[in-house]
């Protein structure tokens, strides 16, 4: 099946180059191009593409405004192109909250070192986005005990994703049935809560963490696949919107209750617990690993530092990062929660964990925050 794409960008060179790359796949057809957001909204209505690629800085109507119009009139998966700057990160996070599925750097040199790698990344990302759900994928938080709104089921992705692509993608997970867990892990105090996510994660993490009180008794470590230039702005955004404190982790940080530490992009975050003094270790990114930061690395360190005393949570995301880390945590005696298919933007990472039989609870996004409060506080 051919994926139809609408390219919206005020740069004629970028529109032409992107069209050439996408159409070279034989799987993608560029059905239209627009030079500003207003044209993009109009062509989205008339062409009804499967995917829209969108620049954020354009004349007449900017990308965020166009995105909001499209999501109100005819929701469709949108892939944003942005600059890898602090301001670009802030705008991209606004776009994700407004309904964009994912993002890529506007500068092709920041995506890949050579043309063949660039072509593969762009094509795979558009195909992945085509299999995601459009706007309003994440419903507003509901109070504990209220039913979660029913939503369309997202199709599993066909390709792995990484904020910093490298080498081979994660291995496929055996096809075994996934059933929603009905058992409930008993309320207990966890020495630390680890949350890992990728595509759809910025909005999902905001939903979950906004539910937690300032007095939340456990430290939290967060791993979100995201470029190095984005994680500081994302941590600041979460800190502004949440009652708990959130900031980007630094080497030597001490874990403490009510503080969530976000793994810095492009690096790896590990937790050490020597002589009862838990500390963060930030290590350089390793090209042998497909993700930087990597959920498996952080969760594996939690399994060693806090055997049987941690809680692992896997949210929406492409690929299978987190599965092996969850396996190590599970083997150490720690419980694992995973997001359900209906509420996931991309049911890749949580599906991998659930299909491996590692999930103690499979929860909708709207249930996870209240369950953390109920099960930990």
Protein backbone atom coordinates (compact mmCIF):
# COMPACT_ATOMS: atom_id res chain seq x y z
CA UNK A 1 0.00 0.00 0.00
CA UNK A 2 1.37 3.42 -1.02
CA UNK A 3 1.51 6.13 1.65
CA UNK A 4 0.40 9.58 0.46
CA UNK A 5 2.29 12.58 1.85
CA UNK A 6 1.73 16.34 1.86
CA UNK A 7 4.93 18.38 2.28
CA UNK A 8 4.47 21.80 3.95
CA UNK A 9 7.55 24.05 3.98
CA UNK A 10 8.37 27.57 2.85
CA UNK A 11 11.73 26.49 1.41
CA UNK A 12 11.45 25.45 -2.23
CA UNK A 13 14.77 23.61 -1.99
CA UNK A 14 13.62 21.62 1.06
CA UNK A 15 10.27 20.74 -0.56
CA UNK A 16 12.06 19.49 -3.68
CA UNK A 17 14.74 17.51 -1.80
CA UNK A 18 12.26 15.91 0.59
CA UNK A 19 9.96 14.98 -2.32
CA UNK A 20 12.85 13.35 -4.18
CA UNK A 21 13.90 11.29 -1.16
CA UNK A 22 10.40 10.11 -0.23
CA UNK A 23 9.30 9.18 -3.75
CA UNK A 24 12.52 7.20 -4.32
CA UNK A 25 11.21 4.54 -1.91
CA UNK A 26 8.44 3.36 -4.19
CA UNK A 27 6.25 3.13 -1.07
CA UNK A 28 5.52 6.84 -0.70
CA UNK A 29 3.76 9.26 -3.04
CA UNK A 30 3.98 13.01 -2.48
CA UNK A 31 0.48 14.16 -3.44
CA UNK A 32 1.04 17.87 -2.84
CA UNK A 33 3.37 20.61 -1.57
CA UNK A 34 2.53 23.83 0.27
CA UNK A 35 4.67 26.94 0.87
CA UNK A 36 2.90 28.09 4.05
CA UNK A 37 0.62 26.87 6.80
CA UNK A 38 -2.57 28.23 5.24
CA UNK A 39 -1.92 26.34 2.00
CA UNK A 40 -1.12 23.28 4.09
CA UNK A 41 -4.48 23.41 5.86
CA UNK A 42 -6.35 23.83 2.56
CA UNK A 43 -4.47 21.02 0.79
CA UNK A 44 -4.91 18.74 3.80
CA UNK A 45 -8.68 19.15 3.39
CA UNK A 46 -8.74 18.59 -0.36
CA UNK A 47 -6.04 15.88 -0.68
CA UNK A 48 -6.60 13.95 2.57
CA UNK A 49 -3.00 12.64 2.76
CA UNK A 50 -1.91 9.77 5.01
CA UNK A 51 0.93 11.86 6.48
CA UNK A 52 1.89 15.55 6.55
CA UNK A 53 5.47 16.79 7.00
CA UNK A 54 5.40 20.25 8.52
CA UNK A 55 7.92 23.04 9.06
CA UNK A 56 7.21 25.26 12.06
CA UNK A 57 8.46 28.64 10.83
CA UNK A 58 6.52 29.81 7.74
CA UNK A 59 4.83 32.96 6.44
CA UNK A 60 1.06 33.63 6.49
CA UNK A 61 0.45 30.82 8.98
CA UNK A 62 3.12 29.10 11.09
CA UNK A 63 3.38 25.34 11.51
CA UNK A 64 1.87 25.15 15.01
CA UNK A 65 -1.20 27.15 13.99
CA UNK A 66 -1.59 25.04 10.84
CA UNK A 67 -1.22 21.87 12.90
CA UNK A 68 -3.99 22.92 15.28
CA UNK A 69 -6.29 23.76 12.34
CA UNK A 70 -5.63 20.40 10.70
CA UNK A 71 -6.28 18.52 13.92
CA UNK A 72 -9.62 20.28 14.37
CA UNK A 73 -10.80 19.78 10.79
CA UNK A 74 -9.29 16.49 9.64
CA UNK A 75 -6.84 14.80 12.06
CA UNK A 76 -3.90 13.19 10.27
CA UNK A 77 -0.46 12.07 11.47
CA UNK A 78 1.95 15.01 11.27
CA UNK A 79 5.76 14.77 11.31
CA UNK A 80 7.34 18.08 12.35
CA UNK A 81 10.72 19.32 11.12
CA UNK A 82 12.54 21.50 13.62
CA UNK A 83 15.93 22.98 14.42
CA UNK A 84 18.02 21.33 17.12
CA UNK A 85 18.15 24.45 19.26
CA UNK A 86 16.58 25.34 22.59
CA UNK A 87 13.93 27.42 20.82
CA UNK A 88 13.41 24.66 18.28
CA UNK A 89 12.92 22.19 21.15
CA UNK A 90 10.37 24.43 22.84
CA UNK A 91 8.36 24.83 19.64
CA UNK A 92 8.59 21.11 18.85
CA UNK A 93 7.25 20.22 22.31
CA UNK A 94 4.35 22.61 21.66
CA UNK A 95 3.75 20.82 18.36
CA UNK A 96 3.73 17.40 20.00
CA UNK A 97 1.22 18.63 22.58
CA UNK A 98 -0.90 20.07 19.74
CA UNK A 99 -1.08 16.66 18.06
CA UNK A 100 2.10 16.02 16.04
CA UNK A 101 3.22 12.39 16.17
CA UNK A 102 6.97 12.83 15.92
CA UNK A 103 9.75 15.16 14.78
CA UNK A 104 13.04 15.25 12.86
CA UNK A 105 15.82 17.85 12.59
CA UNK A 106 15.35 20.30 9.71
CA UNK A 107 19.04 20.15 8.83
CA UNK A 108 19.65 16.91 6.92
CA UNK A 109 23.26 16.84 8.12
CA UNK A 110 21.97 16.50 11.69
CA UNK A 111 19.95 13.42 10.74
CA UNK A 112 22.59 11.34 8.99
CA UNK A 113 26.20 11.41 7.85
CA UNK A 114 25.59 10.06 4.36
CA UNK A 115 22.86 10.12 1.74
CA UNK A 116 21.88 6.46 1.94
CA UNK A 117 21.44 6.61 5.71
CA UNK A 118 19.48 9.86 5.39
CA UNK A 119 17.16 8.35 2.81
CA UNK A 120 16.49 5.29 4.96
CA UNK A 121 15.80 7.34 8.11
CA UNK A 122 13.38 9.74 6.40
CA UNK A 123 11.49 7.01 4.55
CA UNK A 124 11.19 4.75 7.60
CA UNK A 125 10.07 7.61 9.80
CA UNK A 126 7.28 8.61 7.39
CA UNK A 127 6.16 4.97 7.09
CA UNK A 128 6.19 4.65 10.89
CA UNK A 129 4.17 7.84 11.28
CA UNK A 130 1.66 6.60 8.69
CA UNK A 131 0.93 3.65 10.97
CA UNK A 132 0.37 5.84 14.01
CA UNK A 133 -2.86 7.42 15.12
CA UNK A 134 -3.79 11.04 14.32
CA UNK A 135 -4.55 13.84 16.76
CA UNK A 136 -6.35 13.39 20.06
CA UNK A 137 -4.53 10.11 20.58
CA UNK A 138 -4.06 11.03 24.23
CA UNK A 139 -7.21 11.82 26.11
CA UNK A 140 -7.34 14.22 29.08
CA UNK A 141 -6.56 12.83 32.52
CA UNK A 142 -9.41 11.23 34.42
CA UNK A 143 -9.70 10.77 38.14
CA UNK A 144 -9.03 7.39 39.67
CA UNK A 145 -12.01 5.11 39.37
CA UNK A 146 -13.44 6.78 36.28
CA UNK A 147 -13.49 4.75 33.07
CA UNK A 148 -10.94 5.63 30.41
CA UNK A 149 -12.35 6.89 27.11
CA UNK A 150 -12.37 4.30 24.35
CA UNK A 151 -9.95 5.01 21.54
CA UNK A 152 -8.91 3.45 18.22
CA UNK A 153 -6.24 0.78 18.43
CA UNK A 154 -2.88 1.91 17.09
CA UNK A 155 -1.21 -0.41 14.60
CA UNK A 156 2.20 -1.76 15.61
CA UNK A 157 5.11 -0.10 13.79
CA UNK A 158 7.19 -1.90 11.22
CA UNK A 159 10.46 -0.15 11.97
CA UNK A 160 12.53 0.74 15.01
CA UNK A 161 13.11 4.35 15.98
CA UNK A 162 15.92 6.07 17.78
CA UNK A 163 16.49 9.67 18.72
CA UNK A 164 20.11 8.99 17.73
CA UNK A 165 20.06 6.14 15.18
CA UNK A 166 22.94 3.67 15.28
CA UNK A 167 23.66 0.23 13.94
CA UNK A 168 20.99 -2.46 14.11
CA UNK A 169 17.39 -2.09 15.36
CA UNK A 170 16.05 -4.09 18.27
CA UNK A 171 15.23 -7.75 17.60
CA UNK A 172 11.56 -8.61 16.91
CA UNK A 173 9.44 -9.92 19.75
CA UNK A 174 7.81 -13.37 19.37
CA UNK A 175 4.15 -13.18 18.41
CA UNK A 176 2.31 -14.20 21.56
CA UNK A 177 -1.12 -13.02 22.70
CA UNK A 178 -1.27 -9.95 24.93
CA UNK A 179 -4.08 -9.78 27.44
CA UNK A 180 -4.87 -6.86 29.66
CA UNK A 181 -3.71 -7.63 33.17
CA UNK A 182 -6.46 -7.86 35.77
CA UNK A 183 -4.16 -8.40 38.72
CA UNK A 184 -3.13 -5.44 40.80
CA UNK A 185 0.30 -5.08 42.34
CA UNK A 186 -0.03 -4.48 46.09
CA UNK A 187 0.50 -0.98 47.45
CA UNK A 188 4.06 -0.54 48.66
CA UNK A 189 6.82 2.03 48.92
CA UNK A 190 9.25 1.74 46.03
CA UNK A 191 12.81 2.87 46.50
CA UNK A 192 12.66 4.33 42.98
CA UNK A 193 10.25 4.47 40.02
CA UNK A 194 11.72 4.18 36.52
CA UNK A 195 9.71 5.31 33.48
CA UNK A 196 10.85 4.66 29.90
CA UNK A 197 9.26 5.90 26.67
CA UNK A 198 9.85 7.08 23.10
CA UNK A 199 7.41 8.25 20.39
CA UNK A 200 4.43 9.88 22.09
CA UNK A 201 6.37 10.05 25.33
CA UNK A 202 6.57 13.81 25.88
CA UNK A 203 2.80 14.15 26.12
CA UNK A 204 2.40 10.81 27.94
CA UNK A 205 4.98 11.71 30.59
CA UNK A 206 3.31 15.07 31.11
CA UNK A 207 -0.04 13.32 31.68
CA UNK A 208 1.42 10.84 34.18
CA UNK A 209 3.65 13.19 36.16
CA UNK A 210 1.01 15.91 36.42
CA UNK A 211 -1.05 13.50 38.54
CA UNK A 212 1.62 13.15 41.22
CA UNK A 213 1.56 15.28 44.38
CA UNK A 214 4.58 17.30 45.49
CA UNK A 215 4.83 14.88 48.42
CA UNK A 216 5.28 11.82 46.18
CA UNK A 217 7.46 9.59 48.37
CA UNK A 218 9.68 7.92 45.76
CA UNK A 219 12.44 9.27 43.50
CA UNK A 220 11.70 8.95 39.75
CA UNK A 221 14.09 8.43 36.85
CA UNK A 222 12.88 9.19 33.32
CA UNK A 223 14.25 7.92 30.01
CA UNK A 224 12.80 9.58 26.89
CA UNK A 225 14.35 9.02 23.46
CA UNK A 226 15.21 12.62 22.57
CA UNK A 227 18.15 14.64 21.14
CA UNK A 228 20.62 16.27 23.51
CA UNK A 229 19.42 19.77 22.66
CA UNK A 230 15.81 18.89 23.54
CA UNK A 231 16.06 17.29 26.99
CA UNK A 232 16.86 20.50 28.94
CA UNK A 233 13.79 22.27 27.49
CA UNK A 234 11.65 19.18 28.09
CA UNK A 235 12.75 18.89 31.73
CA UNK A 236 12.00 22.59 32.28
CA UNK A 237 8.57 22.17 30.70
CA UNK A 238 7.70 19.21 32.95
CA UNK A 239 8.96 21.05 36.02
CA UNK A 240 6.72 24.01 35.19
CA UNK A 241 3.62 21.86 34.65
CA UNK A 242 4.01 19.35 37.49
CA UNK A 243 3.78 19.52 41.28
CA UNK A 244 6.86 17.34 41.71
CA UNK A 245 10.29 18.71 40.78
CA UNK A 246 11.70 17.69 37.39
CA UNK A 247 15.11 18.45 35.93
CA UNK A 248 17.70 16.98 33.62
CA UNK A 249 19.99 14.56 35.43
CA UNK A 250 23.64 15.37 36.05
CA UNK A 251 26.45 13.05 37.02
CA UNK A 252 26.53 12.62 40.79
CA UNK A 253 22.91 13.63 41.39
CA UNK A 254 21.37 12.06 44.49
CA UNK A 255 17.93 10.48 44.19
CA UNK A 256 15.35 11.95 46.52
CA UNK A 257 11.57 11.74 47.00
CA UNK A 258 9.44 14.01 44.85
CA UNK A 259 12.24 14.58 42.30
CA UNK A 260 12.16 13.22 38.74
CA UNK A 261 15.49 13.14 36.90
CA UNK A 262 15.42 13.05 33.10
CA UNK A 263 18.22 11.25 31.26
CA UNK A 264 20.15 13.72 29.08
CA UNK A 265 19.87 13.16 25.34
CA UNK A 266 22.85 11.57 23.58
CA UNK A 267 24.14 9.98 26.82
CA UNK A 268 23.38 7.05 29.11
CA UNK A 269 22.04 7.28 32.66
CA UNK A 270 22.79 4.64 35.26
CA UNK A 271 21.87 4.44 38.95
CA UNK A 272 24.39 3.27 41.52
CA UNK A 273 23.56 2.45 45.13
CA UNK A 274 26.75 2.19 47.10
CA UNK A 275 26.52 2.09 50.90
CA UNK A 276 22.87 3.11 50.73
CA UNK A 277 23.67 6.35 48.89
CA UNK A 278 21.91 6.24 45.48
CA UNK A 279 23.59 8.38 42.84
CA UNK A 280 23.23 9.04 39.14
CA UNK A 281 26.02 8.21 36.75
CA UNK A 282 25.94 9.91 33.34
CA UNK A 283 28.07 8.16 30.74
CA UNK A 284 28.97 9.12 27.16
CA UNK A 285 26.73 7.71 24.44
CA UNK A 286 27.99 4.46 22.92
CA UNK A 287 27.60 3.94 19.15
CA UNK A 288 27.08 0.22 19.76
CA UNK A 289 23.75 0.99 21.42
CA UNK A 290 20.74 1.81 19.28
CA UNK A 291 19.35 4.40 21.72
CA UNK A 292 20.99 7.25 23.58
CA UNK A 293 19.58 7.41 26.22
CA UNK A 294 18.59 3.75 26.44
CA UNK A 295 15.83 2.42 28.71
CA UNK A 296 17.51 -1.01 28.92
CA UNK A 297 20.68 0.56 30.34
CA UNK A 298 18.89 2.58 33.03
CA UNK A 299 16.45 -0.18 33.99
CA UNK A 300 19.28 -2.73 34.12
CA UNK A 301 21.11 -0.48 36.59
CA UNK A 302 17.93 -0.20 38.69
CA UNK A 303 17.72 -3.99 38.84
CA UNK A 304 21.26 -4.13 40.24
CA UNK A 305 20.98 -1.13 42.56
CA UNK A 306 17.50 -1.88 43.94
CA UNK A 307 16.73 -5.60 43.56
CA UNK A 308 13.03 -6.13 44.29
CA UNK A 309 12.59 -2.53 45.46
CA UNK A 310 11.97 -0.60 42.23
CA UNK A 311 8.99 -0.16 39.91
CA UNK A 312 9.45 -0.13 36.14
CA UNK A 313 6.92 1.60 33.83
CA UNK A 314 7.03 1.41 30.02
CA UNK A 315 5.03 3.93 28.02
CA UNK A 316 4.34 4.47 24.31
CA UNK A 317 7.21 4.20 21.83
CA UNK A 318 8.59 2.55 18.70
CA UNK A 319 10.90 -0.43 18.87
CA UNK A 320 11.56 -2.68 21.86
CA UNK A 321 13.87 -0.65 24.08
CA UNK A 322 13.10 -1.43 27.72
CA UNK A 323 12.19 -5.08 27.25
CA UNK A 324 15.53 -6.45 28.45
CA UNK A 325 15.79 -3.88 31.22
CA UNK A 326 12.31 -4.87 32.40
CA UNK A 327 13.37 -8.52 32.26
CA UNK A 328 16.29 -7.78 34.59
CA UNK A 329 14.08 -5.81 36.96
CA UNK A 330 11.50 -8.59 36.94
CA UNK A 331 14.15 -11.22 37.67
CA UNK A 332 15.33 -9.13 40.63
CA UNK A 333 11.78 -9.16 42.07
CA UNK A 334 10.57 -5.72 40.96
CA UNK A 335 7.12 -5.29 39.32
CA UNK A 336 6.58 -3.90 35.81
CA UNK A 337 3.70 -1.83 34.44
CA UNK A 338 3.14 -1.18 30.74
CA UNK A 339 0.81 1.13 28.83
CA UNK A 340 -2.04 -0.51 26.94
CA UNK A 341 -2.46 -0.54 23.18
CA UNK A 342 -5.50 1.71 23.00
CA UNK A 343 -3.87 4.67 24.71
CA UNK A 344 -0.43 4.32 23.07
CA UNK A 345 0.60 6.55 20.18
CA UNK A 346 2.87 3.69 19.05
CA UNK A 347 2.39 0.29 20.68
CA UNK A 348 5.96 -0.91 20.19
CA UNK A 349 7.86 -0.69 23.48
CA UNK A 350 4.94 -1.59 25.77
CA UNK A 351 3.92 -4.38 23.38
CA UNK A 352 7.42 -5.87 23.52
CA UNK A 353 7.29 -5.94 27.32
CA UNK A 354 3.76 -7.35 27.44
CA UNK A 355 4.41 -10.04 24.82
CA UNK A 356 7.48 -11.15 26.73
CA UNK A 357 5.20 -11.80 29.73
CA UNK A 358 6.91 -9.16 31.88
CA UNK A 359 3.95 -6.86 32.65
CA UNK A 360 2.38 -7.19 36.09
CA UNK A 361 -0.18 -4.57 35.08
CA UNK A 362 -1.25 -3.28 31.66
CA UNK A 363 -2.83 0.13 32.16
CA UNK A 364 -4.29 2.93 30.06
CA UNK A 365 -2.35 6.18 30.14
CA UNK A 366 -5.06 7.82 32.23
CA UNK A 367 -4.77 5.08 34.86
CA UNK A 368 -1.00 5.17 35.37
CA UNK A 369 -0.73 8.44 37.32
CA UNK A 370 -3.58 7.63 39.72
CA UNK A 371 -2.24 4.08 40.17
CA UNK A 372 1.17 5.47 41.09
CA UNK A 373 -0.45 7.71 43.70
CA UNK A 374 -2.64 4.87 44.97
CA UNK A 375 0.09 2.24 44.95
CA UNK A 376 3.00 4.30 46.29
CA UNK A 377 1.66 7.13 48.48
